[in-house]
Amino acid sequence: MNRFLPLVASALLGLAAAPTPAQSDAARGFPDRPLRIVVPFGAAGGTTAVARVIAAKASESMGQPVIVEPKPGAQGIVAVEFVRKAAPDGYTILIGTVGPIAVNPAIYANLPYQPLRDLTPVTLIGTYPLLLVVNASLPVRSVRELIAYATARPDKVNYGATGAISQLMSEHFNQRTGTRFVHIPYKSSGDFVTAVLANEVTMVFSDIPPLSGHVQAGKLRALAITSTGRHRAWPDVPTMAEAGVSEFVFELWNGFLVPGGTPAPIVARLHAEFARAIAAPDARERLEALGIDPVGMAGDEFGKVIAADIARFGAVAKAANVKAD
């Protein structure tokens, strides 16, 4: 269950709506050559896998190859800048995530782009929550017990984080609970998962795939999940609200954006194709296996999500004095 479900039905119903004559004229002949989806991360990452699932389905219906092109670097800035500067013709598409699109504006004082000025949202693909986990040997079995444990050891508890998202989640936890977990940075989620397995850090917030095997094996203990309601794959894990921490709903997302100025009929065509691909049963199954709850939200609603998350992450970063430069 997530905060976007009420919008899914309306997004999918929109696929059946016939385009206006003006839209048909502007989009006629599009696409007539291959399209490319630019990914802000490496080829082996989960975001690239999500892009490939949708690219494969969209290429079938669009009659053109949809190429997935990873462009990692600088916390996603390299990829966003590449797409921002591309021709606004619908052939270069960014698969954006919370980090480059909503968090970077909160932590970079001199970010070279403004997401909602320089990019046009097309489709929100799907969402995914984070799990709060500790080592199974830690003498805590709930968030309340974790808070009590940390309160009794204010200078001896810490959290692992890779990048700004997991850091901001943990700092928000400090803000909401009055705890003083200290930030320990790591290069990748694999590194900080290894750290919590080795009891080098007290807790981590992470997306589910790097954690699930260790939780199922009993090496890590999941204390809470950051979704609005309990997750279909983790029905025994309470939400943060159920665990006693209010105002702690964070469902991360990924979605497609194109350069600002892309004609509306092209944006509408891309949304229709991508939403149809996301709704395909085999694609939904593959996305869910990657930890994604498929949505297919239209671009205007996706833009509202982006704006709200930029404001929310900005408030958390300001309160915790988290800066990247």
Protein backbone atom coordinates (compact mmCIF):
# COMPACT_ATOMS: atom_id res chain seq x y z
CA MET A 1 0.00 0.00 0.00
CA ASN A 2 1.33 3.49 -0.80
CA ARG A 3 0.29 7.12 -1.10
CA PHE A 4 -0.05 6.87 -4.89
CA LEU A 5 -2.62 4.07 -5.20
CA PRO A 6 -5.68 6.34 -5.54
CA LEU A 7 -4.06 7.83 -8.65
CA VAL A 8 -3.25 4.55 -10.40
CA ALA A 9 -6.74 3.80 -11.66
CA SER A 10 -7.21 7.27 -13.14
CA ALA A 11 -3.80 7.09 -14.79
CA LEU A 12 -4.60 3.78 -16.44
CA LEU A 13 -8.07 4.89 -17.49
CA GLY A 14 -6.42 7.82 -19.24
CA LEU A 15 -4.79 5.42 -21.66
CA ALA A 16 -8.14 4.81 -23.29
CA ALA A 17 -8.76 8.49 -24.01
CA ALA A 18 -8.43 9.41 -27.66
CA PRO A 19 -5.90 12.15 -28.50
CA THR A 20 -7.16 15.50 -29.74
CA PRO A 21 -6.58 16.40 -33.40
CA ALA A 22 -3.81 18.83 -32.38
CA GLN A 23 -2.06 16.11 -30.42
CA SER A 24 -2.39 13.70 -33.30
CA ASP A 25 -0.82 16.17 -35.75
CA ALA A 26 2.11 17.06 -33.49
CA ALA A 27 2.84 13.45 -32.57
CA ARG A 28 2.36 12.03 -36.07
CA GLY A 29 5.45 10.12 -37.11
CA PHE A 30 6.87 9.95 -33.59
CA PRO A 31 8.98 8.01 -33.02
CA ASP A 32 10.75 7.41 -36.31
CA ARG A 33 14.13 6.44 -34.84
CA PRO A 34 15.48 4.80 -31.66
CA LEU A 35 14.86 6.40 -28.28
CA ARG A 36 17.21 6.29 -25.33
CA ILE A 37 16.58 6.20 -21.61
CA VAL A 38 19.44 7.78 -19.66
CA VAL A 39 20.08 6.29 -16.21
CA PRO A 40 21.90 8.31 -13.50
CA PHE A 41 23.56 5.18 -12.10
CA GLY A 42 25.68 2.23 -13.18
CA ALA A 43 24.71 -0.62 -15.47
CA ALA A 44 24.41 -3.13 -12.61
CA GLY A 45 22.06 -1.03 -10.48
CA GLY A 46 18.38 -1.50 -9.75
CA THR A 47 17.34 1.67 -11.59
CA THR A 48 18.94 0.38 -14.78
CA ALA A 49 17.08 -2.92 -14.35
CA VAL A 50 13.78 -1.03 -14.00
CA ALA A 51 14.54 0.99 -17.14
CA ARG A 52 15.28 -2.18 -19.11
CA VAL A 53 11.99 -3.80 -18.12
CA ILE A 54 9.96 -0.85 -19.41
CA ALA A 55 12.19 -0.21 -22.43
CA ALA A 56 11.63 -3.76 -23.65
CA LYS A 57 7.84 -3.44 -23.45
CA ALA A 58 7.69 0.08 -24.88
CA SER A 59 9.85 -0.82 -27.85
CA GLU A 60 7.35 -3.53 -28.82
CA SER A 61 4.44 -1.10 -29.08
CA MET A 62 6.36 1.92 -30.40
CA GLY A 63 8.05 0.00 -33.21
CA GLN A 64 11.47 1.49 -32.42
CA PRO A 65 14.32 0.33 -30.19
CA VAL A 66 14.39 1.93 -26.74
CA ILE A 67 18.02 1.92 -25.63
CA VAL A 68 19.02 2.08 -21.97
CA GLU A 69 22.16 4.16 -21.45
CA PRO A 70 23.73 4.42 -17.95
CA LYS A 71 25.54 7.71 -17.28
CA PRO A 72 26.63 7.56 -13.64
CA GLY A 73 28.47 10.30 -11.83
CA ALA A 74 28.22 13.17 -9.34
CA GLN A 75 25.12 11.89 -7.50
CA GLY A 76 23.13 11.79 -10.73
CA ILE A 77 24.08 15.28 -11.89
CA VAL A 78 25.91 13.98 -14.97
CA ALA A 79 22.82 12.23 -16.31
CA VAL A 80 20.40 15.03 -15.48
CA GLU A 81 22.61 17.59 -17.18
CA PHE A 82 22.93 15.38 -20.24
CA VAL A 83 19.17 15.12 -20.61
CA ARG A 84 18.55 18.76 -19.72
CA LYS A 85 20.79 19.84 -22.59
CA ALA A 86 19.40 17.32 -25.09
CA ALA A 87 17.04 18.33 -27.89
CA PRO A 88 13.45 18.58 -26.56
CA ASP A 89 12.10 16.13 -29.11
CA GLY A 90 11.16 13.12 -26.98
CA TYR A 91 14.06 10.92 -28.04
CA THR A 92 16.18 11.45 -24.92
CA ILE A 93 14.48 10.45 -21.68
CA LEU A 94 15.73 10.47 -18.10
CA ILE A 95 14.75 7.83 -15.60
CA GLY A 96 14.86 10.03 -12.54
CA THR A 97 14.92 8.97 -8.91
CA VAL A 98 14.45 10.80 -5.63
CA GLY A 99 18.18 11.45 -5.22
CA PRO A 100 18.98 13.49 -8.34
CA ILE A 101 15.50 15.03 -8.66
CA ALA A 102 14.29 15.77 -5.13
CA VAL A 103 17.28 15.46 -2.78
CA ASN A 104 20.02 17.17 -4.79
CA PRO A 105 18.13 20.50 -4.78
CA ALA A 106 18.06 20.25 -0.98
CA ILE A 107 21.77 19.65 -0.45
CA TYR A 108 23.62 21.36 -3.32
CA ALA A 109 23.91 25.13 -3.08
CA ASN A 110 25.02 25.46 -6.71
CA LEU A 111 23.10 22.72 -8.48
CA PRO A 112 23.23 23.44 -12.25
CA TYR A 113 19.60 22.47 -12.83
CA GLN A 114 16.17 23.04 -11.34
CA PRO A 115 14.16 19.85 -11.93
CA LEU A 116 10.74 21.35 -12.54
CA ARG A 117 12.10 24.22 -14.60
CA ASP A 118 14.52 22.28 -16.79
CA LEU A 119 12.70 18.95 -17.11
CA THR A 120 9.14 17.88 -17.89
CA PRO A 121 7.72 14.94 -15.91
CA VAL A 122 6.23 12.19 -18.09
CA THR A 123 5.34 9.22 -15.91
CA LEU A 124 5.92 8.11 -12.35
CA ILE A 125 6.93 4.47 -12.80
CA GLY A 126 6.59 3.17 -9.28
CA THR A 127 7.50 3.52 -5.64
CA TYR A 128 9.40 1.62 -3.00
CA PRO A 129 9.76 2.01 0.77
CA LEU A 130 12.80 1.69 3.00
CA LEU A 131 13.32 -0.77 5.83
CA LEU A 132 14.82 0.18 9.19
CA VAL A 133 17.02 -2.73 10.25
CA VAL A 134 19.46 -3.64 13.00
CA ASN A 135 21.73 -6.60 13.60
CA ALA A 136 19.71 -9.50 14.96
CA SER A 137 22.11 -9.74 17.91
CA LEU A 138 21.23 -6.22 19.08
CA PRO A 139 19.00 -6.46 22.18
CA VAL A 140 16.10 -4.57 20.59
CA ARG A 141 12.98 -5.96 18.94
CA SER A 142 11.04 -2.78 18.21
CA VAL A 143 11.58 0.85 17.30
CA ARG A 144 10.64 1.89 20.82
CA GLU A 145 13.33 -0.43 22.21
CA LEU A 146 15.82 0.99 19.69
CA ILE A 147 15.03 4.52 20.87
CA ALA A 148 15.49 3.48 24.50
CA TYR A 149 18.75 1.71 23.61
CA ALA A 150 20.05 4.82 21.83
CA THR A 151 18.92 7.19 24.58
CA ALA A 152 20.92 5.20 27.11
CA ARG A 153 24.01 5.33 24.86
CA PRO A 154 23.94 8.81 23.27
CA ASP A 155 27.59 8.76 22.19
CA LYS A 156 27.81 5.10 21.18
CA VAL A 157 25.13 4.63 18.51
CA ASN A 158 25.49 5.30 14.81
CA TYR A 159 23.96 4.66 11.42
CA GLY A 160 25.36 3.67 8.06
CA ALA A 161 24.45 5.65 4.97
CA THR A 162 25.40 5.80 1.33
CA GLY A 163 24.49 9.07 -0.30
CA ALA A 164 22.09 11.69 0.91
CA ILE A 165 18.83 9.74 0.98
CA SER A 166 19.79 7.21 3.65
CA GLN A 167 21.55 9.99 5.57
CA LEU A 168 18.46 12.21 5.51
CA MET A 169 16.22 9.31 6.55
CA SER A 170 18.44 8.66 9.56
CA GLU A 171 18.72 12.33 10.46
CA HIS A 172 14.95 12.63 10.22
CA PHE A 173 14.75 9.70 12.64
CA ASN A 174 17.03 11.62 15.02
CA GLN A 175 14.79 14.68 14.67
CA ARG A 176 11.55 12.77 15.26
CA THR A 177 12.81 10.70 18.21
CA GLY A 178 15.37 12.93 19.93
CA THR A 179 18.12 10.34 19.43
CA ARG A 180 21.73 11.09 18.48
CA PHE A 181 22.74 8.41 15.99
CA VAL A 182 26.03 9.46 14.36
CA HIS A 183 26.51 9.35 10.58
CA ILE A 184 29.02 6.81 9.22
CA PRO A 185 29.36 7.19 5.42
CA TYR A 186 29.82 4.25 3.05
CA LYS A 187 30.39 4.07 -0.69
CA SER A 188 27.51 1.72 -1.48
CA SER A 189 24.48 0.04 0.06
CA GLY A 190 26.41 -3.22 -0.07
CA ASP A 191 29.08 -1.66 2.13
CA PHE A 192 26.73 -0.42 4.81
CA VAL A 193 24.78 -3.69 4.81
CA THR A 194 28.08 -5.45 5.42
CA ALA A 195 28.73 -2.96 8.24
CA VAL A 196 25.45 -3.64 10.02
CA LEU A 197 26.01 -7.39 9.58
CA ALA A 198 29.38 -6.94 11.30
CA ASN A 199 27.87 -4.76 14.08
CA GLU A 200 29.97 -1.80 12.93
CA VAL A 201 26.85 0.38 12.81
CA THR A 202 23.76 0.27 14.97
CA MET A 203 21.10 0.72 12.30
CA VAL A 204 20.50 1.44 8.63
CA PHE A 205 17.64 2.64 6.46
CA SER A 206 17.82 0.95 3.07
CA ASP A 207 15.72 -0.09 0.14
CA ILE A 208 14.60 -3.69 0.40
CA PRO A 209 16.62 -5.74 -2.13
CA PRO A 210 20.04 -5.46 -0.41
CA LEU A 211 18.47 -6.42 2.93
CA SER A 212 15.85 -9.04 2.21
CA GLY A 213 18.05 -12.13 2.13
CA HIS A 214 19.78 -11.21 5.38
CA VAL A 215 16.47 -10.47 7.12
CA GLN A 216 14.99 -13.75 5.93
CA ALA A 217 18.13 -15.58 7.11
CA GLY A 218 17.72 -14.09 10.58
CA LYS A 219 20.97 -12.11 10.48
CA LEU A 220 19.22 -8.73 10.42
CA ARG A 221 16.00 -7.67 12.13
CA ALA A 222 13.52 -5.41 10.33
CA LEU A 223 11.96 -3.04 12.88
CA ALA A 224 9.79 -0.88 10.62
CA ILE A 225 9.00 0.12 7.06
CA THR A 226 8.57 3.68 5.76
CA SER A 227 5.44 3.10 3.64
CA THR A 228 1.98 4.45 4.44
CA GLY A 229 0.62 0.98 5.17
CA ARG A 230 2.12 -2.43 5.65
CA HIS A 231 3.85 -3.75 2.56
CA ARG A 232 2.54 -6.75 0.64
CA ALA A 233 5.96 -8.43 0.80
CA TRP A 234 6.54 -7.64 4.49
CA PRO A 235 3.16 -7.95 6.22
CA ASP A 236 4.69 -8.60 9.65
CA VAL A 237 6.82 -5.43 9.62
CA PRO A 238 5.02 -2.42 11.15
CA THR A 239 4.97 1.01 9.58
CA MET A 240 6.93 3.73 11.29
CA ALA A 241 3.65 5.17 12.60
CA GLU A 242 2.63 1.80 14.01
CA ALA A 243 6.09 1.54 15.55
CA GLY A 244 5.59 4.83 17.38
CA VAL A 245 7.24 7.41 15.09
CA SER A 246 4.74 9.78 13.49
CA GLU A 247 5.24 11.82 10.30
CA PHE A 248 7.67 9.31 8.87
CA VAL A 249 6.27 8.17 5.53
CA PHE A 250 8.89 8.03 2.80
CA GLU A 251 8.10 6.14 -0.37
CA LEU A 252 10.89 6.66 -2.85
CA TRP A 253 10.16 6.57 -6.55
CA ASN A 254 11.50 6.51 -10.05
CA GLY A 255 9.95 8.06 -13.11
CA PHE A 256 10.52 9.35 -16.61
CA LEU A 257 11.30 12.98 -17.47
CA VAL A 258 12.25 14.71 -20.70
CA PRO A 259 13.95 18.03 -21.46
CA GLY A 260 11.89 21.11 -20.70
CA GLY A 261 10.16 22.42 -23.81
CA THR A 262 9.32 19.00 -25.21
CA PRO A 263 5.99 19.40 -27.06
CA ALA A 264 2.97 18.34 -25.03
CA PRO A 265 1.73 15.84 -27.65
CA ILE A 266 5.09 14.05 -27.54
CA VAL A 267 4.96 13.99 -23.74
CA ALA A 268 1.42 12.59 -23.92
CA ARG A 269 2.50 9.88 -26.38
CA LEU A 270 5.43 8.87 -24.19
CA HIS A 271 3.22 8.75 -21.11
CA ALA A 272 0.67 6.55 -22.88
CA GLU A 273 3.35 4.13 -24.08
CA PHE A 274 5.18 3.94 -20.76
CA ALA A 275 2.01 3.64 -18.68
CA ARG A 276 0.83 0.83 -20.94
CA ALA A 277 4.18 -0.91 -20.56
CA ILE A 278 4.09 -0.54 -16.76
CA ALA A 279 0.55 -1.97 -16.65
CA ALA A 280 1.46 -5.08 -18.67
CA PRO A 281 1.19 -8.13 -16.37
CA ASP A 282 4.65 -9.52 -17.18
CA ALA A 283 6.28 -6.11 -16.69
CA ARG A 284 4.45 -5.55 -13.40
CA GLU A 285 5.65 -8.94 -12.19
CA ARG A 286 9.25 -8.11 -13.07
CA LEU A 287 9.04 -4.66 -11.46
CA GLU A 288 7.60 -6.13 -8.27
CA ALA A 289 10.46 -8.64 -8.21
CA LEU A 290 12.81 -5.63 -8.25
CA GLY A 291 11.04 -4.19 -5.19
CA ILE A 292 8.99 -1.63 -7.14
CA ASP A 293 5.26 -1.07 -6.62
CA PRO A 294 4.15 -0.08 -10.16
CA VAL A 295 2.08 3.08 -10.54
CA GLY A 296 2.12 4.64 -14.04
CA MET A 297 1.05 8.10 -12.82
CA ALA A 298 0.60 10.91 -15.35
CA GLY A 299 3.16 13.67 -15.66
CA ASP A 300 1.20 16.50 -14.05
CA GLU A 301 0.55 14.46 -10.92
CA PHE A 302 4.15 13.26 -10.93
CA GLY A 303 5.23 16.90 -10.98
CA LYS A 304 3.23 17.52 -7.80
CA VAL A 305 5.00 14.58 -6.13
CA ILE A 306 8.38 16.01 -7.14
CA ALA A 307 7.53 19.48 -5.83
CA ALA A 308 6.31 18.08 -2.50
CA ASP A 309 9.39 15.92 -2.05
CA ILE A 310 11.79 18.75 -2.91
CA ALA A 311 10.15 20.80 -0.15
CA ARG A 312 10.12 17.91 2.32
CA PHE A 313 13.72 16.83 1.81
CA GLY A 314 14.77 20.47 1.88
CA ALA A 315 13.24 20.89 5.32
CA VAL A 316 14.96 17.75 6.66
CA ALA A 317 18.33 18.76 5.17
CA LYS A 318 18.09 22.27 6.60
CA ALA A 319 17.19 21.03 10.07
CA ALA A 320 20.07 18.53 10.05
CA ASN A 321 22.50 20.90 8.25
CA VAL A 322 23.20 18.28 5.56
CA LYS A 323 25.08 19.82 2.62
CA ALA A 324 26.94 18.39 -0.33
CA ASP A 325 29.08 21.40 -1.20
